[in-house]
PDB file of N, CA and C in Angstrom:
ATOM      1  N   MET A   1     124.895  85.198 127.151  1.00  0.00           N
ATOM      2  CA  MET A   1     123.777  84.973 128.022  1.00  0.00           C
ATOM      3  C   MET A   1     122.547  84.672 127.162  1.00  0.00           C
ATOM      4  N   LYS A   2     121.815  83.670 127.541  1.00  0.00           N
ATOM      5  CA  LYS A   2     120.654  83.262 126.777  1.00  0.00           C
ATOM      6  C   LYS A   2     119.455  83.221 127.720  1.00  0.00           C
ATOM      7  N   VAL A   3     118.379  83.902 127.307  1.00  0.00           N
ATOM      8  CA  VAL A   3     117.180  83.953 128.137  1.00  0.00           C
ATOM      9  C   VAL A   3     116.017  83.412 127.313  1.00  0.00           C
ATOM     10  N   ASN A   4     115.305  82.461 127.851  1.00  0.00           N
ATOM     11  CA  ASN A   4     114.110  81.913 127.208  1.00  0.00           C
ATOM     12  C   ASN A   4     112.889  82.315 128.012  1.00  0.00           C
ATOM     13  N   ILE A   5     111.914  82.867 127.319  1.00  0.00           N
ATOM     14  CA  ILE A   5     110.663  83.241 127.971  1.00  0.00           C
ATOM     15  C   ILE A   5     109.562  82.407 127.316  1.00  0.00           C
ATOM     16  N   GLU A   6     108.826  81.697 128.128  1.00  0.00           N
ATOM     17  CA  GLU A   6     107.738  80.866 127.625  1.00  0.00           C
ATOM     18  C   GLU A   6     106.432  81.451 128.140  1.00  0.00           C
ATOM     19  N   ILE A   7     105.534  81.759 127.205  1.00  0.00           N
ATOM     20  CA  ILE A   7     104.251  82.353 127.576  1.00  0.00           C
ATOM     21  C   ILE A   7     103.165  81.335 127.249  1.00  0.00           C
ATOM     22  N   ASP A   8     102.355  81.034 128.227  1.00  0.00           N
ATOM     23  CA  ASP A   8     101.261  80.086 128.049  1.00  0.00           C
ATOM     24  C   ASP A   8      99.948  80.872 128.045  1.00  0.00           C
ATOM     25  N   CYS A   9      99.384  81.056 126.835  1.00  0.00           N
ATOM     26  CA  CYS A   9      98.120  81.775 126.723  1.00  0.00           C
ATOM     27  C   CYS A   9      97.372  81.272 125.491  1.00  0.00           C
ATOM     28  N   THR A  10      96.129  81.574 125.447  1.00  0.00           N
ATOM     29  CA  THR A  10      95.303  81.186 124.299  1.00  0.00           C
ATOM     30  C   THR A  10      95.503  82.195 123.176  1.00  0.00           C
ATOM     31  N   PRO A  11      95.125  81.845 121.962  1.00  0.00           N
ATOM     32  CA  PRO A  11      95.220  82.817 120.866  1.00  0.00           C
ATOM     33  C   PRO A  11      94.399  84.080 121.123  1.00  0.00           C
ATOM     34  N   VAL A  12      93.256  83.932 121.765  1.00  0.00           N
ATOM     35  CA  VAL A  12      92.420  85.098 122.079  1.00  0.00           C
ATOM     36  C   VAL A  12      93.154  86.016 123.053  1.00  0.00           C
ATOM     37  N   GLU A  13      93.771  85.438 124.073  1.00  0.00           N
ATOM     38  CA  GLU A  13      94.516  86.237 125.045  1.00  0.00           C
ATOM     39  C   GLU A  13      95.708  86.931 124.393  1.00  0.00           C
ATOM     40  N   ALA A  14      96.402  86.240 123.498  1.00  0.00           N
ATOM     41  CA  ALA A  14      97.549  86.839 122.801  1.00  0.00           C
ATOM     42  C   ALA A  14      97.098  87.988 121.917  1.00  0.00           C
ATOM     43  N   ARG A  15      95.979  87.796 121.215  1.00  0.00           N
ATOM     44  CA  ARG A  15      95.460  88.852 120.342  1.00  0.00           C
ATOM     45  C   ARG A  15      95.076  90.075 121.158  1.00  0.00           C
ATOM     46  N   GLN A  16      94.405  89.854 122.267  1.00  0.00           N
ATOM     47  CA  GLN A  16      94.003  90.975 123.123  1.00  0.00           C
ATOM     48  C   GLN A  16      95.216  91.682 123.704  1.00  0.00           C
ATOM     49  N   PHE A  17      96.232  90.932 124.098  1.00  0.00           N
ATOM     50  CA  PHE A  17      97.438  91.524 124.665  1.00  0.00           C
ATOM     51  C   PHE A  17      98.161  92.390 123.632  1.00  0.00           C
ATOM     52  N   MET A  18      98.187  91.911 122.372  1.00  0.00           N
ATOM     53  CA  MET A  18      98.868  92.670 121.315  1.00  0.00           C
ATOM     54  C   MET A  18      98.019  93.818 120.786  1.00  0.00           C
ATOM     55  N   GLY A  19      96.749  93.849 121.153  1.00  0.00           N
ATOM     56  CA  GLY A  19      95.879  94.936 120.698  1.00  0.00           C
ATOM     57  C   GLY A  19      95.316  94.713 119.312  1.00  0.00           C
ATOM     58  N   LEU A  20      95.308  93.478 118.868  1.00  0.00           N
ATOM     59  CA  LEU A  20      94.772  93.178 117.542  1.00  0.00           C
ATOM     60  C   LEU A  20      93.249  93.076 117.612  1.00  0.00           C
ATOM     61  N   PRO A  21      92.565  93.413 116.518  1.00  0.00           N
ATOM     62  CA  PRO A  21      91.100  93.391 116.535  1.00  0.00           C
ATOM     63  C   PRO A  21      90.558  91.958 116.533  1.00  0.00           C
ATOM     64  N   ASP A  22      89.339  91.820 117.032  1.00  0.00           N
ATOM     65  CA  ASP A  22      88.661  90.536 117.038  1.00  0.00           C
ATOM     66  C   ASP A  22      87.946  90.383 115.689  1.00  0.00           C
ATOM     67  N   VAL A  23      88.417  89.489 114.861  1.00  0.00           N
ATOM     68  CA  VAL A  23      87.847  89.302 113.529  1.00  0.00           C
ATOM     69  C   VAL A  23      86.865  88.129 113.468  1.00  0.00           C
ATOM     70  N   GLN A  24      86.589  87.493 114.586  1.00  0.00           N
ATOM     71  CA  GLN A  24      85.700  86.343 114.610  1.00  0.00           C
ATOM     72  C   GLN A  24      84.297  86.679 114.093  1.00  0.00           C
ATOM     73  N   PRO A  25      83.653  87.788 114.498  1.00  0.00           N
ATOM     74  CA  PRO A  25      82.323  88.101 113.956  1.00  0.00           C
ATOM     75  C   PRO A  25      82.340  88.312 112.439  1.00  0.00           C
ATOM     76  N   MET A  26      83.377  88.987 111.940  1.00  0.00           N
ATOM     77  CA  MET A  26      83.480  89.214 110.502  1.00  0.00           C
ATOM     78  C   MET A  26      83.700  87.888 109.767  1.00  0.00           C
ATOM     79  N   GLN A  27      84.539  87.033 110.318  1.00  0.00           N
ATOM     80  CA  GLN A  27      84.798  85.741 109.698  1.00  0.00           C
ATOM     81  C   GLN A  27      83.530  84.890 109.672  1.00  0.00           C
ATOM     82  N   THR A  28      82.777  84.899 110.744  1.00  0.00           N
ATOM     83  CA  THR A  28      81.525  84.147 110.803  1.00  0.00           C
ATOM     84  C   THR A  28      80.534  84.673 109.773  1.00  0.00           C
ATOM     85  N   ALA A  29      80.426  85.995 109.656  1.00  0.00           N
ATOM     86  CA  ALA A  29      79.507  86.590 108.677  1.00  0.00           C
ATOM     87  C   ALA A  29      79.921  86.237 107.252  1.00  0.00           C
ATOM     88  N   MET A  30      81.212  86.290 106.964  1.00  0.00           N
ATOM     89  CA  MET A  30      81.686  85.964 105.617  1.00  0.00           C
ATOM     90  C   MET A  30      81.473  84.487 105.297  1.00  0.00           C
ATOM     91  N   MET A  31      81.697  83.612 106.263  1.00  0.00           N
ATOM     92  CA  MET A  31      81.475  82.189 106.032  1.00  0.00           C
ATOM     93  C   MET A  31      79.988  81.890 105.814  1.00  0.00           C
ATOM     94  N   ASP A  32      79.118  82.584 106.542  1.00  0.00           N
ATOM     95  CA  ASP A  32      77.673  82.410 106.333  1.00  0.00           C
ATOM     96  C   ASP A  32      77.271  82.859 104.934  1.00  0.00           C
ATOM     97  N   LYS A  33      77.821  83.999 104.497  1.00  0.00           N
ATOM     98  CA  LYS A  33      77.512  84.514 103.169  1.00  0.00           C
ATOM     99  C   LYS A  33      78.043  83.570 102.083  1.00  0.00           C
ATOM    100  N   LEU A  34      79.250  83.053 102.284  1.00  0.00           N
ATOM    101  CA  LEU A  34      79.837  82.119 101.332  1.00  0.00           C
ATOM    102  C   LEU A  34      79.008  80.837 101.242  1.00  0.00           C
ATOM    103  N   GLN A  35      78.572  80.347 102.396  1.00  0.00           N
ATOM    104  CA  GLN A  35      77.745  79.144 102.416  1.00  0.00           C
ATOM    105  C   GLN A  35      76.418  79.385 101.701  1.00  0.00           C
ATOM    106  N   GLN A  36      75.826  80.547 101.887  1.00  0.00           N
ATOM    107  CA  GLN A  36      74.573  80.888 101.219  1.00  0.00           C
ATOM    108  C   GLN A  36      74.766  80.947  99.700  1.00  0.00           C
ATOM    109  N   LYS A  37      75.835  81.582  99.244  1.00  0.00           N
ATOM    110  CA  LYS A  37      76.112  81.675  97.804  1.00  0.00           C
ATOM    111  C   LYS A  37      76.347  80.290  97.206  1.00  0.00           C
ATOM    112  N   MET A  38      77.073  79.448  97.930  1.00  0.00           N
ATOM    113  CA  MET A  38      77.335  78.096  97.431  1.00  0.00           C
ATOM    114  C   MET A  38      76.036  77.307  97.334  1.00  0.00           C
ATOM    115  N   ALA A  39      75.152  77.453  98.307  1.00  0.00           N
ATOM    116  CA  ALA A  39      73.875  76.745  98.277  1.00  0.00           C
ATOM    117  C   ALA A  39      73.007  77.240  97.122  1.00  0.00           C
ATOM    118  N   GLU A  40      73.063  78.542  96.823  1.00  0.00           N
ATOM    119  CA  GLU A  40      72.278  79.101  95.719  1.00  0.00           C
ATOM    120  C   GLU A  40      72.778  78.595  94.367  1.00  0.00           C
ATOM    121  N   ASN A  41      74.082  78.410  94.236  1.00  0.00           N
ATOM    122  CA  ASN A  41      74.670  78.076  92.944  1.00  0.00           C
ATOM    123  C   ASN A  41      75.017  76.599  92.787  1.00  0.00           C
ATOM    124  N   ILE A  42      74.624  75.763  93.728  1.00  0.00           N
ATOM    125  CA  ILE A  42      75.012  74.354  93.666  1.00  0.00           C
ATOM    126  C   ILE A  42      74.399  73.674  92.441  1.00  0.00           C
ATOM    127  N   ASP A  43      73.232  74.122  91.987  1.00  0.00           N
ATOM    128  CA  ASP A  43      72.591  73.509  90.821  1.00  0.00           C
ATOM    129  C   ASP A  43      73.390  73.739  89.545  1.00  0.00           C
ATOM    130  N   LYS A  44      74.146  74.821  89.494  1.00  0.00           N
ATOM    131  CA  LYS A  44      74.938  75.120  88.306  1.00  0.00           C
ATOM    132  C   LYS A  44      76.123  74.176  88.134  1.00  0.00           C
ATOM    133  N   PHE A  45      76.477  73.436  89.190  1.00  0.00           N
ATOM    134  CA  PHE A  45      77.641  72.575  89.136  1.00  0.00           C
ATOM    135  C   PHE A  45      77.299  71.095  89.141  1.00  0.00           C
ATOM    136  N   SER A  46      76.044  70.772  88.843  1.00  0.00           N
ATOM    137  CA  SER A  46      75.689  69.363  88.732  1.00  0.00           C
ATOM    138  C   SER A  46      76.215  68.844  87.394  1.00  0.00           C
ATOM    139  N   PRO A  47      76.553  67.577  87.302  1.00  0.00           N
ATOM    140  CA  PRO A  47      77.075  67.039  86.031  1.00  0.00           C
ATOM    141  C   PRO A  47      76.110  67.242  84.859  1.00  0.00           C
ATOM    142  N   GLU A  48      74.810  67.121  85.121  1.00  0.00           N
ATOM    143  CA  GLU A  48      73.834  67.298  84.043  1.00  0.00           C
ATOM    144  C   GLU A  48      73.870  68.715  83.496  1.00  0.00           C
ATOM    145  N   THR A  49      73.941  69.693  84.388  1.00  0.00           N
ATOM    146  CA  THR A  49      73.957  71.093  83.952  1.00  0.00           C
ATOM    147  C   THR A  49      75.247  71.419  83.199  1.00  0.00           C
ATOM    148  N   ILE A  50      76.367  70.915  83.682  1.00  0.00           N
ATOM    149  CA  ILE A  50      77.640  71.183  83.011  1.00  0.00           C
ATOM    150  C   ILE A  50      77.634  70.587  81.607  1.00  0.00           C
ATOM    151  N   LEU A  51      77.194  69.341  81.480  1.00  0.00           N
ATOM    152  CA  LEU A  51      77.143  68.714  80.153  1.00  0.00           C
ATOM    153  C   LEU A  51      76.148  69.420  79.249  1.00  0.00           C
ATOM    154  N   GLN A  52      75.027  69.851  79.811  1.00  0.00           N
ATOM    155  CA  GLN A  52      74.037  70.565  79.004  1.00  0.00           C
ATOM    156  C   GLN A  52      74.635  71.868  78.471  1.00  0.00           C
ATOM    157  N   ASN A  53      75.394  72.576  79.310  1.00  0.00           N
ATOM    158  CA  ASN A  53      76.030  73.818  78.848  1.00  0.00           C
ATOM    159  C   ASN A  53      77.066  73.543  77.769  1.00  0.00           C
ATOM    160  N   TRP A  54      77.833  72.461  77.908  1.00  0.00           N
ATOM    161  CA  TRP A  54      78.826  72.125  76.890  1.00  0.00           C
ATOM    162  C   TRP A  54      78.155  71.785  75.568  1.00  0.00           C
ATOM    163  N   PHE A  55      77.077  71.007  75.613  1.00  0.00           N
ATOM    164  CA  PHE A  55      76.461  70.514  74.385  1.00  0.00           C
ATOM    165  C   PHE A  55      75.583  71.557  73.711  1.00  0.00           C
ATOM    166  N   THR A  56      75.128  72.578  74.413  1.00  0.00           N
ATOM    167  CA  THR A  56      74.333  73.617  73.763  1.00  0.00           C
ATOM    168  C   THR A  56      75.216  74.580  72.986  1.00  0.00           C
ATOM    169  N   PHE A  57      76.513  74.559  73.227  1.00  0.00           N
ATOM    170  CA  PHE A  57      77.428  75.440  72.511  1.00  0.00           C
ATOM    171  C   PHE A  57      77.531  75.032  71.041  1.00  0.00           C
ATOM    172  N   ASP A  58      77.609  73.746  70.768  1.00  0.00           N
ATOM    173  CA  ASP A  58      77.761  73.242  69.421  1.00  0.00           C
ATOM    174  C   ASP A  58      76.897  71.983  69.282  1.00  0.00           C
ATOM    175  N   PRO A  59      75.983  71.961  68.322  1.00  0.00           N
ATOM    176  CA  PRO A  59      75.108  70.795  68.176  1.00  0.00           C
ATOM    177  C   PRO A  59      75.866  69.489  67.923  1.00  0.00           C
ATOM    178  N   LYS A  60      77.024  69.554  67.295  1.00  0.00           N
ATOM    179  CA  LYS A  60      77.777  68.332  66.997  1.00  0.00           C
ATOM    180  C   LYS A  60      78.738  67.958  68.120  1.00  0.00           C
ATOM    181  N   MET A  61      78.700  68.708  69.215  1.00  0.00           N
ATOM    182  CA  MET A  61      79.610  68.453  70.317  1.00  0.00           C
ATOM    183  C   MET A  61      79.369  67.075  70.929  1.00  0.00           C
ATOM    184  N   ALA A  62      78.105  66.656  71.034  1.00  0.00           N
ATOM    185  CA  ALA A  62      77.799  65.341  71.610  1.00  0.00           C
ATOM    186  C   ALA A  62      78.423  64.242  70.765  1.00  0.00           C
ATOM    187  N   GLU A  63      78.345  64.383  69.461  1.00  0.00           N
ATOM    188  CA  GLU A  63      78.943  63.383  68.563  1.00  0.00           C
ATOM    189  C   GLU A  63      80.467  63.384  68.709  1.00  0.00           C
ATOM    190  N   ARG A  64      81.062  64.537  68.842  1.00  0.00           N
ATOM    191  CA  ARG A  64      82.511  64.623  69.011  1.00  0.00           C
ATOM    192  C   ARG A  64      82.964  63.982  70.319  1.00  0.00           C
ATOM    193  N   PHE A  65      82.210  64.231  71.402  1.00  0.00           N
ATOM    194  CA  PHE A  65      82.537  63.596  72.675  1.00  0.00           C
ATOM    195  C   PHE A  65      82.407  62.086  72.571  1.00  0.00           C
ATOM    196  N   GLN A  66      81.358  61.626  71.897  1.00  0.00           N
ATOM    197  CA  GLN A  66      81.149  60.191  71.744  1.00  0.00           C
ATOM    198  C   GLN A  66      82.312  59.572  70.965  1.00  0.00           C
ATOM    199  N   ASP A  67      82.720  60.210  69.898  1.00  0.00           N
ATOM    200  CA  ASP A  67      83.855  59.716  69.117  1.00  0.00           C
ATOM    201  C   ASP A  67      85.143  59.730  69.944  1.00  0.00           C
ATOM    202  N   MET A  68      85.343  60.787  70.719  1.00  0.00           N
ATOM    203  CA  MET A  68      86.542  60.889  71.529  1.00  0.00           C
ATOM    204  C   MET A  68      86.595  59.770  72.573  1.00  0.00           C
ATOM    205  N   PHE A  69      85.469  59.542  73.270  1.00  0.00           N
ATOM    206  CA  PHE A  69      85.445  58.484  74.279  1.00  0.00           C
ATOM    207  C   PHE A  69      85.591  57.103  73.653  1.00  0.00           C
ATOM    208  N   ALA A  70      85.021  56.921  72.473  1.00  0.00           N
ATOM    209  CA  ALA A  70      85.160  55.628  71.796  1.00  0.00           C
ATOM    210  C   ALA A  70      86.605  55.380  71.403  1.00  0.00           C
ATOM    211  N   SER A  71      87.280  56.402  70.908  1.00  0.00           N
ATOM    212  CA  SER A  71      88.674  56.210  70.512  1.00  0.00           C
ATOM    213  C   SER A  71      89.583  56.041  71.730  1.00  0.00           C
ATOM    214  N   MET A  72      89.269  56.725  72.834  1.00  0.00           N
ATOM    215  CA  MET A  72      90.087  56.582  74.033  1.00  0.00           C
ATOM    216  C   MET A  72      89.900  55.218  74.680  1.00  0.00           C
ATOM    217  N   SER A  73      88.727  54.640  74.566  1.00  0.00           N
ATOM    218  CA  SER A  73      88.481  53.352  75.196  1.00  0.00           C
ATOM    219  C   SER A  73      88.879  52.178  74.305  1.00  0.00           C
ATOM    220  N   GLY A  74      89.279  52.447  73.072  1.00  0.00           N
ATOM    221  CA  GLY A  74      89.691  51.400  72.166  1.00  0.00           C
ATOM    222  C   GLY A  74      88.534  50.787  71.404  1.00  0.00           C
ATOM    223  N   LEU A  75      87.339  51.335  71.564  1.00  0.00           N
ATOM    224  CA  LEU A  75      86.185  50.815  70.842  1.00  0.00           C
ATOM    225  C   LEU A  75      86.088  51.342  69.423  1.00  0.00           C
ATOM    226  N   GLY A  76      86.770  52.431  69.177  1.00  0.00           N
ATOM    227  CA  GLY A  76      86.756  52.983  67.838  1.00  0.00           C
ATOM    228  C   GLY A  76      87.690  52.213  66.916  1.00  0.00           C
ATOM    229  N   THR A  77      87.274  52.021  65.679  1.00  0.00           N
ATOM    230  CA  THR A  77      88.092  51.264  64.748  1.00  0.00           C
ATOM    231  C   THR A  77      89.142  52.131  64.074  1.00  0.00           C
ATOM    232  N   GLY A  78      88.938  53.421  64.125  1.00  0.00           N
ATOM    233  CA  GLY A  78      89.900  54.323  63.497  1.00  0.00           C
ATOM    234  C   GLY A  78      89.559  54.621  62.050  1.00  0.00           C
ATOM    235  N   THR A  79      88.637  53.860  61.452  1.00  0.00           N
ATOM    236  CA  THR A  79      88.219  54.123  60.091  1.00  0.00           C
ATOM    237  C   THR A  79      86.716  54.287  60.088  1.00  0.00           C
ATOM    238  N   LYS A  80      86.232  55.239  59.330  1.00  0.00           N
ATOM    239  CA  LYS A  80      84.798  55.474  59.223  1.00  0.00           C
ATOM    240  C   LYS A  80      84.329  55.042  57.854  1.00  0.00           C
ATOM    241  N   GLY A  81      83.090  54.556  57.794  1.00  0.00           N
ATOM    242  CA  GLY A  81      82.492  54.236  56.519  1.00  0.00           C
ATOM    243  C   GLY A  81      82.796  52.857  55.994  1.00  0.00           C
ATOM    244  N   LYS A  82      83.497  52.008  56.688  1.00  0.00           N
ATOM    245  CA  LYS A  82      83.774  50.651  56.206  1.00  0.00           C
ATOM    246  C   LYS A  82      82.867  49.655  56.817  1.00  0.00           C
TER     247      LYS A  82
END
């Protein structure tokens, strides 16, 4: 014997029927807080800031990046001083 039961209800109605808590207010509060934190820290992820942080670590880092990009693009001759 096979019995199929089809229940047509919204997720809110199903949650209430099962006795599960309503997490919508908490989710909204967390998303607002996350959005606020992202807005506060968006300046830290600009390309200029990231490159500035990389290049302040080592003064010769800019030269190394330039050499790396030149060799990757085929503009580098592979020999220095000639």
